[in-house]
Amino acid sequence: MEILTYVLQGILALMFLMAGFGKVTGSKMHVEAFTHWKLPQWFRVVTGLVELAGAVLLIVGYWYSTSAMAGSLLLGITGVGGIITHIRVKDSFKDTSMILFLAILSFVVLYLYLA
């Protein structure tokens, strides 16, 4: 079970490193997405920093399990916020599915550390 936890943790860290970096650097895709969601661009940067912090906590979590738990909880809550944002603007399930998957994965990693 420990290997599964580490693999899922690595996938989450990689996905949120990429997403957070794209938001912080202002990639065209993320700028357009936040405009579509009617959210201010400063919130895109804040969201990116939160995602990067969560990914770093997951990486540190390979050595300190409490960091992995904190990172997965932070990213899970961030994912729930993303899901609510997609629902608020009536995005399709296809557009919502990735953040839904990542939120579920975050809570699975948290559960695996707590179990």
PDB file of N, CA and C in Angstrom:
ATOM      1  N   MET A   1       0.820  -1.191   0.000  1.00  0.00           N
ATOM      2  CA  MET A   1       0.000   0.000   0.000  1.00  0.00           C
ATOM      3  C   MET A   1       0.866   1.259   0.000  1.00  0.00           C
ATOM      4  N   GLU A   2       2.019   1.156   0.607  1.00  0.00           N
ATOM      5  CA  GLU A   2       2.925   2.299   0.672  1.00  0.00           C
ATOM      6  C   GLU A   2       3.391   2.718  -0.722  1.00  0.00           C
ATOM      7  N   ILE A   3       3.657   1.749  -1.586  1.00  0.00           N
ATOM      8  CA  ILE A   3       4.105   2.059  -2.951  1.00  0.00           C
ATOM      9  C   ILE A   3       2.988   2.770  -3.706  1.00  0.00           C
ATOM     10  N   LEU A   4       1.751   2.288  -3.573  1.00  0.00           N
ATOM     11  CA  LEU A   4       0.607   2.933  -4.223  1.00  0.00           C
ATOM     12  C   LEU A   4       0.473   4.385  -3.758  1.00  0.00           C
ATOM     13  N   THR A   5       0.615   4.598  -2.461  1.00  0.00           N
ATOM     14  CA  THR A   5       0.521   5.949  -1.909  1.00  0.00           C
ATOM     15  C   THR A   5       1.583   6.853  -2.523  1.00  0.00           C
ATOM     16  N   TYR A   6       2.819   6.363  -2.597  1.00  0.00           N
ATOM     17  CA  TYR A   6       3.910   7.167  -3.158  1.00  0.00           C
ATOM     18  C   TYR A   6       3.698   7.467  -4.638  1.00  0.00           C
ATOM     19  N   VAL A   7       3.171   6.501  -5.382  1.00  0.00           N
ATOM     20  CA  VAL A   7       2.918   6.725  -6.816  1.00  0.00           C
ATOM     21  C   VAL A   7       1.829   7.782  -6.998  1.00  0.00           C
ATOM     22  N   LEU A   8       0.729   7.646  -6.264  1.00  0.00           N
ATOM     23  CA  LEU A   8      -0.356   8.627  -6.358  1.00  0.00           C
ATOM     24  C   LEU A   8       0.114  10.007  -5.916  1.00  0.00           C
ATOM     25  N   GLN A   9       0.915  10.040  -4.890  1.00  0.00           N
ATOM     26  CA  GLN A   9       1.479  11.289  -4.384  1.00  0.00           C
ATOM     27  C   GLN A   9       2.353  11.950  -5.454  1.00  0.00           C
ATOM     28  N   GLY A  10       3.145  11.153  -6.145  1.00  0.00           N
ATOM     29  CA  GLY A  10       4.002  11.680  -7.213  1.00  0.00           C
ATOM     30  C   GLY A  10       3.189  12.215  -8.381  1.00  0.00           C
ATOM     31  N   ILE A  11       2.146  11.504  -8.759  1.00  0.00           N
ATOM     32  CA  ILE A  11       1.274  11.967  -9.847  1.00  0.00           C
ATOM     33  C   ILE A  11       0.639  13.305  -9.475  1.00  0.00           C
ATOM     34  N   LEU A  12       0.128  13.384  -8.251  1.00  0.00           N
ATOM     35  CA  LEU A  12      -0.492  14.631  -7.788  1.00  0.00           C
ATOM     36  C   LEU A  12       0.510  15.778  -7.785  1.00  0.00           C
ATOM     37  N   ALA A  13       1.695  15.518  -7.243  1.00  0.00           N
ATOM     38  CA  ALA A  13       2.708  16.569  -7.177  1.00  0.00           C
ATOM     39  C   ALA A  13       3.069  17.060  -8.572  1.00  0.00           C
ATOM     40  N   LEU A  14       3.256  16.156  -9.499  1.00  0.00           N
ATOM     41  CA  LEU A  14       3.613  16.536 -10.869  1.00  0.00           C
ATOM     42  C   LEU A  14       2.499  17.334 -11.534  1.00  0.00           C
ATOM     43  N   MET A  15       1.275  16.880 -11.398  1.00  0.00           N
ATOM     44  CA  MET A  15       0.138  17.573 -12.025  1.00  0.00           C
ATOM     45  C   MET A  15      -0.021  18.988 -11.468  1.00  0.00           C
ATOM     46  N   PHE A  16       0.087  19.127 -10.145  1.00  0.00           N
ATOM     47  CA  PHE A  16      -0.098  20.446  -9.555  1.00  0.00           C
ATOM     48  C   PHE A  16       1.126  21.338  -9.737  1.00  0.00           C
ATOM     49  N   LEU A  17       2.316  20.765  -9.879  1.00  0.00           N
ATOM     50  CA  LEU A  17       3.481  21.583 -10.240  1.00  0.00           C
ATOM     51  C   LEU A  17       3.266  22.213 -11.609  1.00  0.00           C
ATOM     52  N   MET A  18       2.804  21.406 -12.558  1.00  0.00           N
ATOM     53  CA  MET A  18       2.571  21.923 -13.910  1.00  0.00           C
ATOM     54  C   MET A  18       1.443  22.956 -13.920  1.00  0.00           C
ATOM     55  N   ALA A  19       0.336  22.642 -13.256  1.00  0.00           N
ATOM     56  CA  ALA A  19      -0.805  23.561 -13.244  1.00  0.00           C
ATOM     57  C   ALA A  19      -0.457  24.860 -12.512  1.00  0.00           C
ATOM     58  N   GLY A  20       0.187  24.728 -11.375  1.00  0.00           N
ATOM     59  CA  GLY A  20       0.555  25.916 -10.598  1.00  0.00           C
ATOM     60  C   GLY A  20       1.549  26.795 -11.325  1.00  0.00           C
ATOM     61  N   PHE A  21       2.529  26.174 -11.964  1.00  0.00           N
ATOM     62  CA  PHE A  21       3.525  26.937 -12.718  1.00  0.00           C
ATOM     63  C   PHE A  21       2.857  27.679 -13.871  1.00  0.00           C
ATOM     64  N   GLY A  22       1.933  27.026 -14.563  1.00  0.00           N
ATOM     65  CA  GLY A  22       1.217  27.669 -15.663  1.00  0.00           C
ATOM     66  C   GLY A  22       0.400  28.855 -15.201  1.00  0.00           C
ATOM     67  N   LYS A  23      -0.220  28.741 -14.028  1.00  0.00           N
ATOM     68  CA  LYS A  23      -1.021  29.846 -13.504  1.00  0.00           C
ATOM     69  C   LYS A  23      -0.142  31.014 -13.081  1.00  0.00           C
ATOM     70  N   VAL A  24       0.941  30.719 -12.384  1.00  0.00           N
ATOM     71  CA  VAL A  24       1.824  31.779 -11.896  1.00  0.00           C
ATOM     72  C   VAL A  24       2.499  32.520 -13.050  1.00  0.00           C
ATOM     73  N   THR A  25       2.906  31.793 -14.074  1.00  0.00           N
ATOM     74  CA  THR A  25       3.602  32.431 -15.196  1.00  0.00           C
ATOM     75  C   THR A  25       2.647  33.063 -16.194  1.00  0.00           C
ATOM     76  N   GLY A  26       1.352  32.825 -16.036  1.00  0.00           N
ATOM     77  CA  GLY A  26       0.364  33.465 -16.894  1.00  0.00           C
ATOM     78  C   GLY A  26       0.236  32.851 -18.271  1.00  0.00           C
ATOM     79  N   SER A  27       0.224  31.516 -18.331  1.00  0.00           N
ATOM     80  CA  SER A  27       0.036  30.861 -19.628  1.00  0.00           C
ATOM     81  C   SER A  27      -1.309  31.279 -20.212  1.00  0.00           C
ATOM     82  N   LYS A  28      -1.359  31.342 -21.518  1.00  0.00           N
ATOM     83  CA  LYS A  28      -2.560  31.808 -22.222  1.00  0.00           C
ATOM     84  C   LYS A  28      -3.786  31.000 -21.796  1.00  0.00           C
ATOM     85  N   MET A  29      -3.637  29.698 -21.671  1.00  0.00           N
ATOM     86  CA  MET A  29      -4.756  28.832 -21.306  1.00  0.00           C
ATOM     87  C   MET A  29      -5.349  29.232 -19.948  1.00  0.00           C
ATOM     88  N   HIS A  30      -4.488  29.480 -18.965  1.00  0.00           N
ATOM     89  CA  HIS A  30      -4.970  29.815 -17.627  1.00  0.00           C
ATOM     90  C   HIS A  30      -5.544  31.228 -17.570  1.00  0.00           C
ATOM     91  N   VAL A  31      -4.939  32.156 -18.279  1.00  0.00           N
ATOM     92  CA  VAL A  31      -5.476  33.518 -18.325  1.00  0.00           C
ATOM     93  C   VAL A  31      -6.882  33.499 -18.920  1.00  0.00           C
ATOM     94  N   GLU A  32      -7.060  32.782 -20.021  1.00  0.00           N
ATOM     95  CA  GLU A  32      -8.378  32.686 -20.653  1.00  0.00           C
ATOM     96  C   GLU A  32      -9.387  31.967 -19.753  1.00  0.00           C
ATOM     97  N   ALA A  33      -8.918  30.946 -19.050  1.00  0.00           N
ATOM     98  CA  ALA A  33      -9.818  30.201 -18.161  1.00  0.00           C
ATOM     99  C   ALA A  33     -10.338  31.091 -17.042  1.00  0.00           C
ATOM    100  N   PHE A  34      -9.464  31.855 -16.413  1.00  0.00           N
ATOM    101  CA  PHE A  34      -9.901  32.719 -15.316  1.00  0.00           C
ATOM    102  C   PHE A  34     -10.804  33.838 -15.826  1.00  0.00           C
ATOM    103  N   THR A  35     -10.584  34.294 -17.050  1.00  0.00           N
ATOM    104  CA  THR A  35     -11.487  35.270 -17.662  1.00  0.00           C
ATOM    105  C   THR A  35     -12.859  34.630 -17.876  1.00  0.00           C
ATOM    106  N   HIS A  36     -12.879  33.401 -18.394  1.00  0.00           N
ATOM    107  CA  HIS A  36     -14.131  32.670 -18.614  1.00  0.00           C
ATOM    108  C   HIS A  36     -14.886  32.465 -17.297  1.00  0.00           C
ATOM    109  N   TRP A  37     -14.161  32.188 -16.234  1.00  0.00           N
ATOM    110  CA  TRP A  37     -14.784  31.948 -14.932  1.00  0.00           C
ATOM    111  C   TRP A  37     -15.159  33.242 -14.222  1.00  0.00           C
ATOM    112  N   LYS A  38     -14.839  34.382 -14.842  1.00  0.00           N
ATOM    113  CA  LYS A  38     -15.125  35.700 -14.265  1.00  0.00           C
ATOM    114  C   LYS A  38     -14.423  35.886 -12.925  1.00  0.00           C
ATOM    115  N   LEU A  39     -13.173  35.423 -12.869  1.00  0.00           N
ATOM    116  CA  LEU A  39     -12.339  35.590 -11.683  1.00  0.00           C
ATOM    117  C   LEU A  39     -11.194  36.537 -12.028  1.00  0.00           C
ATOM    118  N   PRO A  40     -10.756  37.353 -11.067  1.00  0.00           N
ATOM    119  CA  PRO A  40      -9.665  38.292 -11.348  1.00  0.00           C
ATOM    120  C   PRO A  40      -8.336  37.565 -11.584  1.00  0.00           C
ATOM    121  N   GLN A  41      -7.480  38.190 -12.358  1.00  0.00           N
ATOM    122  CA  GLN A  41      -6.198  37.562 -12.695  1.00  0.00           C
ATOM    123  C   GLN A  41      -5.287  37.432 -11.478  1.00  0.00           C
ATOM    124  N   TRP A  42      -5.406  38.300 -10.485  1.00  0.00           N
ATOM    125  CA  TRP A  42      -4.583  38.145  -9.283  1.00  0.00           C
ATOM    126  C   TRP A  42      -4.935  36.847  -8.562  1.00  0.00           C
ATOM    127  N   PHE A  43      -6.201  36.419  -8.684  1.00  0.00           N
ATOM    128  CA  PHE A  43      -6.620  35.176  -8.051  1.00  0.00           C
ATOM    129  C   PHE A  43      -5.991  33.970  -8.753  1.00  0.00           C
ATOM    130  N   ARG A  44      -5.725  34.106 -10.062  1.00  0.00           N
ATOM    131  CA  ARG A  44      -5.013  33.060 -10.812  1.00  0.00           C
ATOM    132  C   ARG A  44      -3.626  32.853 -10.213  1.00  0.00           C
ATOM    133  N   VAL A  45      -2.945  33.950  -9.913  1.00  0.00           N
ATOM    134  CA  VAL A  45      -1.597  33.856  -9.335  1.00  0.00           C
ATOM    135  C   VAL A  45      -1.662  33.234  -7.941  1.00  0.00           C
ATOM    136  N   VAL A  46      -2.616  33.667  -7.133  1.00  0.00           N
ATOM    137  CA  VAL A  46      -2.767  33.108  -5.785  1.00  0.00           C
ATOM    138  C   VAL A  46      -3.056  31.608  -5.860  1.00  0.00           C
ATOM    139  N   THR A  47      -3.954  31.232  -6.756  1.00  0.00           N
ATOM    140  CA  THR A  47      -4.286  29.817  -6.927  1.00  0.00           C
ATOM    141  C   THR A  47      -3.045  29.030  -7.349  1.00  0.00           C
ATOM    142  N   GLY A  48      -2.271  29.581  -8.264  1.00  0.00           N
ATOM    143  CA  GLY A  48      -1.042  28.924  -8.701  1.00  0.00           C
ATOM    144  C   GLY A  48      -0.055  28.746  -7.563  1.00  0.00           C
ATOM    145  N   LEU A  49       0.083  29.756  -6.727  1.00  0.00           N
ATOM    146  CA  LEU A  49       0.999  29.652  -5.581  1.00  0.00           C
ATOM    147  C   LEU A  49       0.524  28.601  -4.582  1.00  0.00           C
ATOM    148  N   VAL A  50      -0.783  28.532  -4.368  1.00  0.00           N
ATOM    149  CA  VAL A  50      -1.343  27.508  -3.471  1.00  0.00           C
ATOM    150  C   VAL A  50      -1.073  26.117  -4.041  1.00  0.00           C
ATOM    151  N   GLU A  51      -1.273  25.963  -5.350  1.00  0.00           N
ATOM    152  CA  GLU A  51      -1.013  24.665  -5.981  1.00  0.00           C
ATOM    153  C   GLU A  51       0.466  24.298  -5.909  1.00  0.00           C
ATOM    154  N   LEU A  52       1.343  25.256  -6.116  1.00  0.00           N
ATOM    155  CA  LEU A  52       2.783  24.978  -6.006  1.00  0.00           C
ATOM    156  C   LEU A  52       3.158  24.615  -4.570  1.00  0.00           C
ATOM    157  N   ALA A  53       2.586  25.312  -3.601  1.00  0.00           N
ATOM    158  CA  ALA A  53       2.859  24.994  -2.192  1.00  0.00           C
ATOM    159  C   ALA A  53       2.386  23.585  -1.850  1.00  0.00           C
ATOM    160  N   GLY A  54       1.196  23.227  -2.326  1.00  0.00           N
ATOM    161  CA  GLY A  54       0.692  21.875  -2.082  1.00  0.00           C
ATOM    162  C   GLY A  54       1.573  20.811  -2.707  1.00  0.00           C
ATOM    163  N   ALA A  55       2.058  21.083  -3.928  1.00  0.00           N
ATOM    164  CA  ALA A  55       2.943  20.123  -4.605  1.00  0.00           C
ATOM    165  C   ALA A  55       4.259  19.978  -3.848  1.00  0.00           C
ATOM    166  N   VAL A  56       4.802  21.082  -3.362  1.00  0.00           N
ATOM    167  CA  VAL A  56       6.048  21.023  -2.585  1.00  0.00           C
ATOM    168  C   VAL A  56       5.827  20.237  -1.295  1.00  0.00           C
ATOM    169  N   LEU A  57       4.686  20.466  -0.646  1.00  0.00           N
ATOM    170  CA  LEU A  57       4.380  19.700   0.569  1.00  0.00           C
ATOM    171  C   LEU A  57       4.296  18.203   0.269  1.00  0.00           C
ATOM    172  N   LEU A  58       3.732  17.847  -0.880  1.00  0.00           N
ATOM    173  CA  LEU A  58       3.666  16.435  -1.253  1.00  0.00           C
ATOM    174  C   LEU A  58       5.060  15.855  -1.479  1.00  0.00           C
ATOM    175  N   ILE A  59       5.931  16.621  -2.088  1.00  0.00           N
ATOM    176  CA  ILE A  59       7.300  16.147  -2.331  1.00  0.00           C
ATOM    177  C   ILE A  59       8.045  15.978  -1.010  1.00  0.00           C
ATOM    178  N   VAL A  60       7.937  16.964  -0.133  1.00  0.00           N
ATOM    179  CA  VAL A  60       8.556  16.862   1.195  1.00  0.00           C
ATOM    180  C   VAL A  60       7.933  15.692   1.964  1.00  0.00           C
ATOM    181  N   GLY A  61       6.691  15.387   1.641  1.00  0.00           N
ATOM    182  CA  GLY A  61       5.972  14.302   2.302  1.00  0.00           C
ATOM    183  C   GLY A  61       6.560  12.919   2.096  1.00  0.00           C
ATOM    184  N   TYR A  62       7.451  12.786   1.126  1.00  0.00           N
ATOM    185  CA  TYR A  62       8.146  11.500   0.980  1.00  0.00           C
ATOM    186  C   TYR A  62       9.016  11.217   2.198  1.00  0.00           C
ATOM    187  N   TRP A  63       9.449  12.268   2.880  1.00  0.00           N
ATOM    188  CA  TRP A  63      10.280  12.113   4.071  1.00  0.00           C
ATOM    189  C   TRP A  63       9.510  12.383   5.357  1.00  0.00           C
ATOM    190  N   TYR A  64       8.529  13.263   5.287  1.00  0.00           N
ATOM    191  CA  TYR A  64       7.736  13.632   6.462  1.00  0.00           C
ATOM    192  C   TYR A  64       6.258  13.480   6.123  1.00  0.00           C
ATOM    193  N   SER A  65       5.643  12.457   6.675  1.00  0.00           N
ATOM    194  CA  SER A  65       4.261  12.134   6.292  1.00  0.00           C
ATOM    195  C   SER A  65       3.277  13.258   6.617  1.00  0.00           C
ATOM    196  N   THR A  66       3.546  14.037   7.664  1.00  0.00           N
ATOM    197  CA  THR A  66       2.623  15.126   7.980  1.00  0.00           C
ATOM    198  C   THR A  66       2.591  16.171   6.858  1.00  0.00           C
ATOM    199  N   SER A  67       3.704  16.361   6.178  1.00  0.00           N
ATOM    200  CA  SER A  67       3.720  17.283   5.038  1.00  0.00           C
ATOM    201  C   SER A  67       2.859  16.751   3.898  1.00  0.00           C
ATOM    202  N   ALA A  68       2.925  15.459   3.664  1.00  0.00           N
ATOM    203  CA  ALA A  68       2.098  14.854   2.608  1.00  0.00           C
ATOM    204  C   ALA A  68       0.624  14.989   2.955  1.00  0.00           C
ATOM    205  N   MET A  69       0.282  14.805   4.213  1.00  0.00           N
ATOM    206  CA  MET A  69      -1.119  14.954   4.617  1.00  0.00           C
ATOM    207  C   MET A  69      -1.577  16.401   4.447  1.00  0.00           C
ATOM    208  N   ALA A  70      -0.738  17.335   4.851  1.00  0.00           N
ATOM    209  CA  ALA A  70      -1.094  18.754   4.705  1.00  0.00           C
ATOM    210  C   ALA A  70      -1.229  19.123   3.228  1.00  0.00           C
ATOM    211  N   GLY A  71      -0.299  18.657   2.408  1.00  0.00           N
ATOM    212  CA  GLY A  71      -0.348  18.962   0.981  1.00  0.00           C
ATOM    213  C   GLY A  71      -1.560  18.368   0.300  1.00  0.00           C
ATOM    214  N   SER A  72      -1.875  17.123   0.622  1.00  0.00           N
ATOM    215  CA  SER A  72      -3.037  16.497  -0.008  1.00  0.00           C
ATOM    216  C   SER A  72      -4.340  17.151   0.456  1.00  0.00           C
ATOM    217  N   LEU A  73      -4.410  17.560   1.722  1.00  0.00           N
ATOM    218  CA  LEU A  73      -5.596  18.261   2.203  1.00  0.00           C
ATOM    219  C   LEU A  73      -5.729  19.622   1.520  1.00  0.00           C
ATOM    220  N   LEU A  74      -4.631  20.361   1.425  1.00  0.00           N
ATOM    221  CA  LEU A  74      -4.644  21.658   0.766  1.00  0.00           C
ATOM    222  C   LEU A  74      -5.085  21.545  -0.690  1.00  0.00           C
ATOM    223  N   LEU A  75      -4.542  20.561  -1.395  1.00  0.00           N
ATOM    224  CA  LEU A  75      -4.891  20.388  -2.806  1.00  0.00           C
ATOM    225  C   LEU A  75      -6.310  19.838  -2.978  1.00  0.00           C
ATOM    226  N   GLY A  76      -6.753  19.020  -2.039  1.00  0.00           N
ATOM    227  CA  GLY A  76      -8.128  18.525  -2.088  1.00  0.00           C
ATOM    228  C   GLY A  76      -9.129  19.659  -1.928  1.00  0.00           C
ATOM    229  N   ILE A  77      -8.866  20.544  -0.977  1.00  0.00           N
ATOM    230  CA  ILE A  77      -9.746  21.694  -0.767  1.00  0.00           C
ATOM    231  C   ILE A  77      -9.693  22.626  -1.970  1.00  0.00           C
ATOM    232  N   THR A  78      -8.508  22.820  -2.519  1.00  0.00           N
ATOM    233  CA  THR A  78      -8.362  23.634  -3.732  1.00  0.00           C
ATOM    234  C   THR A  78      -9.149  23.006  -4.878  1.00  0.00           C
ATOM    235  N   GLY A  79      -9.098  21.692  -4.975  1.00  0.00           N
ATOM    236  CA  GLY A  79      -9.856  20.984  -6.008  1.00  0.00           C
ATOM    237  C   GLY A  79     -11.353  21.168  -5.854  1.00  0.00           C
ATOM    238  N   VAL A  80     -11.839  21.132  -4.625  1.00  0.00           N
ATOM    239  CA  VAL A  80     -13.262  21.358  -4.385  1.00  0.00           C
ATOM    240  C   VAL A  80     -13.641  22.773  -4.842  1.00  0.00           C
ATOM    241  N   GLY A  81     -12.781  23.743  -4.561  1.00  0.00           N
ATOM    242  CA  GLY A  81     -13.020  25.104  -5.040  1.00  0.00           C
ATOM    243  C   GLY A  81     -13.067  25.166  -6.556  1.00  0.00           C
ATOM    244  N   GLY A  82     -12.186  24.413  -7.208  1.00  0.00           N
ATOM    245  CA  GLY A  82     -12.190  24.361  -8.667  1.00  0.00           C
ATOM    246  C   GLY A  82     -13.457  23.733  -9.214  1.00  0.00           C
ATOM    247  N   ILE A  83     -13.925  22.687  -8.570  1.00  0.00           N
ATOM    248  CA  ILE A  83     -15.165  22.028  -9.000  1.00  0.00           C
ATOM    249  C   ILE A  83     -16.342  22.997  -8.868  1.00  0.00           C
ATOM    250  N   ILE A  84     -16.404  23.703  -7.747  1.00  0.00           N
ATOM    251  CA  ILE A  84     -17.480  24.675  -7.541  1.00  0.00           C
ATOM    252  C   ILE A  84     -17.420  25.769  -8.607  1.00  0.00           C
ATOM    253  N   THR A  85     -16.215  26.201  -8.956  1.00  0.00           N
ATOM    254  CA  THR A  85     -16.053  27.221  -9.993  1.00  0.00           C
ATOM    255  C   THR A  85     -16.599  26.726 -11.327  1.00  0.00           C
ATOM    256  N   HIS A  86     -16.267  25.494 -11.705  1.00  0.00           N
ATOM    257  CA  HIS A  86     -16.770  24.926 -12.964  1.00  0.00           C
ATOM    258  C   HIS A  86     -18.293  24.814 -12.951  1.00  0.00           C
ATOM    259  N   ILE A  87     -18.852  24.393 -11.819  1.00  0.00           N
ATOM    260  CA  ILE A  87     -20.308  24.270 -11.714  1.00  0.00           C
ATOM    261  C   ILE A  87     -20.965  25.640 -11.798  1.00  0.00           C
ATOM    262  N   ARG A  88     -20.350  26.638 -11.154  1.00  0.00           N
ATOM    263  CA  ARG A  88     -20.919  27.997 -11.128  1.00  0.00           C
ATOM    264  C   ARG A  88     -21.090  28.578 -12.520  1.00  0.00           C
ATOM    265  N   VAL A  89     -20.137  28.296 -13.414  1.00  0.00           N
ATOM    266  CA  VAL A  89     -20.229  28.844 -14.780  1.00  0.00           C
ATOM    267  C   VAL A  89     -20.824  27.837 -15.758  1.00  0.00           C
ATOM    268  N   LYS A  90     -21.313  26.719 -15.220  1.00  0.00           N
ATOM    269  CA  LYS A  90     -21.998  25.689 -16.026  1.00  0.00           C
ATOM    270  C   LYS A  90     -21.089  25.084 -17.098  1.00  0.00           C
ATOM    271  N   ASP A  91     -19.825  24.815 -16.719  1.00  0.00           N
ATOM    272  CA  ASP A  91     -18.922  24.117 -17.628  1.00  0.00           C
ATOM    273  C   ASP A  91     -19.377  22.681 -17.817  1.00  0.00           C
ATOM    274  N   SER A  92     -18.954  22.079 -18.905  1.00  0.00           N
ATOM    275  CA  SER A  92     -19.305  20.687 -19.183  1.00  0.00           C
ATOM    276  C   SER A  92     -18.563  19.747 -18.231  1.00  0.00           C
ATOM    277  N   PHE A  93     -19.032  18.512 -18.172  1.00  0.00           N
ATOM    278  CA  PHE A  93     -18.348  17.509 -17.345  1.00  0.00           C
ATOM    279  C   PHE A  93     -16.926  17.293 -17.850  1.00  0.00           C
ATOM    280  N   LYS A  94     -16.748  17.352 -19.163  1.00  0.00           N
ATOM    281  CA  LYS A  94     -15.407  17.186 -19.741  1.00  0.00           C
ATOM    282  C   LYS A  94     -14.448  18.243 -19.199  1.00  0.00           C
ATOM    283  N   ASP A  95     -14.919  19.480 -19.100  1.00  0.00           N
ATOM    284  CA  ASP A  95     -14.075  20.558 -18.587  1.00  0.00           C
ATOM    285  C   ASP A  95     -13.824  20.418 -17.086  1.00  0.00           C
ATOM    286  N   THR A  96     -14.749  19.807 -16.378  1.00  0.00           N
ATOM    287  CA  THR A  96     -14.662  19.676 -14.927  1.00  0.00           C
ATOM    288  C   THR A  96     -13.952  18.397 -14.494  1.00  0.00           C
ATOM    289  N   SER A  97     -13.861  17.435 -15.379  1.00  0.00           N
ATOM    290  CA  SER A  97     -13.416  16.098 -14.988  1.00  0.00           C
ATOM    291  C   SER A  97     -11.983  16.055 -14.440  1.00  0.00           C
ATOM    292  N   MET A  98     -11.067  16.846 -14.979  1.00  0.00           N
ATOM    293  CA  MET A  98      -9.678  16.771 -14.505  1.00  0.00           C
ATOM    294  C   MET A  98      -9.548  17.254 -13.068  1.00  0.00           C
ATOM    295  N   ILE A  99     -10.141  18.377 -12.727  1.00  0.00           N
ATOM    296  CA  ILE A  99     -10.038  18.857 -11.346  1.00  0.00           C
ATOM    297  C   ILE A  99     -10.816  17.951 -10.406  1.00  0.00           C
ATOM    298  N   LEU A 100     -11.904  17.352 -10.887  1.00  0.00           N
ATOM    299  CA  LEU A 100     -12.633  16.382 -10.081  1.00  0.00           C
ATOM    300  C   LEU A 100     -11.746  15.180  -9.768  1.00  0.00           C
ATOM    301  N   PHE A 101     -11.061  14.681 -10.791  1.00  0.00           N
ATOM    302  CA  PHE A 101     -10.142  13.550 -10.617  1.00  0.00           C
ATOM    303  C   PHE A 101      -9.028  13.903  -9.630  1.00  0.00           C
ATOM    304  N   LEU A 102      -8.436  15.086  -9.782  1.00  0.00           N
ATOM    305  CA  LEU A 102      -7.336  15.481  -8.913  1.00  0.00           C
ATOM    306  C   LEU A 102      -7.800  15.702  -7.475  1.00  0.00           C
ATOM    307  N   ALA A 103      -8.997  16.231  -7.287  1.00  0.00           N
ATOM    308  CA  ALA A 103      -9.526  16.409  -5.936  1.00  0.00           C
ATOM    309  C   ALA A 103      -9.744  15.051  -5.262  1.00  0.00           C
ATOM    310  N   ILE A 104     -10.347  14.133  -6.000  1.00  0.00           N
ATOM    311  CA  ILE A 104     -10.566  12.782  -5.454  1.00  0.00           C
ATOM    312  C   ILE A 104      -9.231  12.127  -5.127  1.00  0.00           C
ATOM    313  N   LEU A 105      -8.277  12.245  -6.031  1.00  0.00           N
ATOM    314  CA  LEU A 105      -6.950  11.665  -5.815  1.00  0.00           C
ATOM    315  C   LEU A 105      -6.287  12.270  -4.573  1.00  0.00           C
ATOM    316  N   SER A 106      -6.460  13.566  -4.374  1.00  0.00           N
ATOM    317  CA  SER A 106      -5.894  14.228  -3.194  1.00  0.00           C
ATOM    318  C   SER A 106      -6.472  13.642  -1.912  1.00  0.00           C
ATOM    319  N   PHE A 107      -7.791  13.460  -1.896  1.00  0.00           N
ATOM    320  CA  PHE A 107      -8.416  12.912  -0.696  1.00  0.00           C
ATOM    321  C   PHE A 107      -8.090  11.433  -0.510  1.00  0.00           C
ATOM    322  N   VAL A 108      -7.846  10.708  -1.598  1.00  0.00           N
ATOM    323  CA  VAL A 108      -7.414   9.306  -1.483  1.00  0.00           C
ATOM    324  C   VAL A 108      -6.031   9.244  -0.845  1.00  0.00           C
ATOM    325  N   VAL A 109      -5.127  10.109  -1.285  1.00  0.00           N
ATOM    326  CA  VAL A 109      -3.778  10.136  -0.691  1.00  0.00           C
ATOM    327  C   VAL A 109      -3.873  10.475   0.795  1.00  0.00           C
ATOM    328  N   LEU A 110      -4.692  11.467   1.139  1.00  0.00           N
ATOM    329  CA  LEU A 110      -4.877  11.811   2.554  1.00  0.00           C
ATOM    330  C   LEU A 110      -5.399  10.605   3.329  1.00  0.00           C
ATOM    331  N   TYR A 111      -6.390   9.920   2.776  1.00  0.00           N
ATOM    332  CA  TYR A 111      -6.954   8.744   3.443  1.00  0.00           C
ATOM    333  C   TYR A 111      -5.895   7.657   3.633  1.00  0.00           C
ATOM    334  N   LEU A 112      -5.078   7.432   2.614  1.00  0.00           N
ATOM    335  CA  LEU A 112      -4.054   6.392   2.707  1.00  0.00           C
ATOM    336  C   LEU A 112      -3.029   6.718   3.795  1.00  0.00           C
ATOM    337  N   TYR A 113      -2.746   7.984   4.003  1.00  0.00           N
ATOM    338  CA  TYR A 113      -1.830   8.359   5.090  1.00  0.00           C
ATOM    339  C   TYR A 113      -2.493   8.228   6.458  1.00  0.00           C
ATOM    340  N   LEU A 114      -3.782   8.474   6.512  1.00  0.00           N
ATOM    341  CA  LEU A 114      -4.483   8.383   7.783  1.00  0.00           C
ATOM    342  C   LEU A 114      -4.795   6.950   8.193  1.00  0.00           C
ATOM    343  N   ALA A 115      -4.901   6.070   7.187  1.00  0.00           N
ATOM    344  CA  ALA A 115      -5.270   4.665   7.463  1.00  0.00           C
ATOM    345  C   ALA A 115      -4.124   3.881   8.060  1.00  0.00           C
TER     346      ALA A 115
END
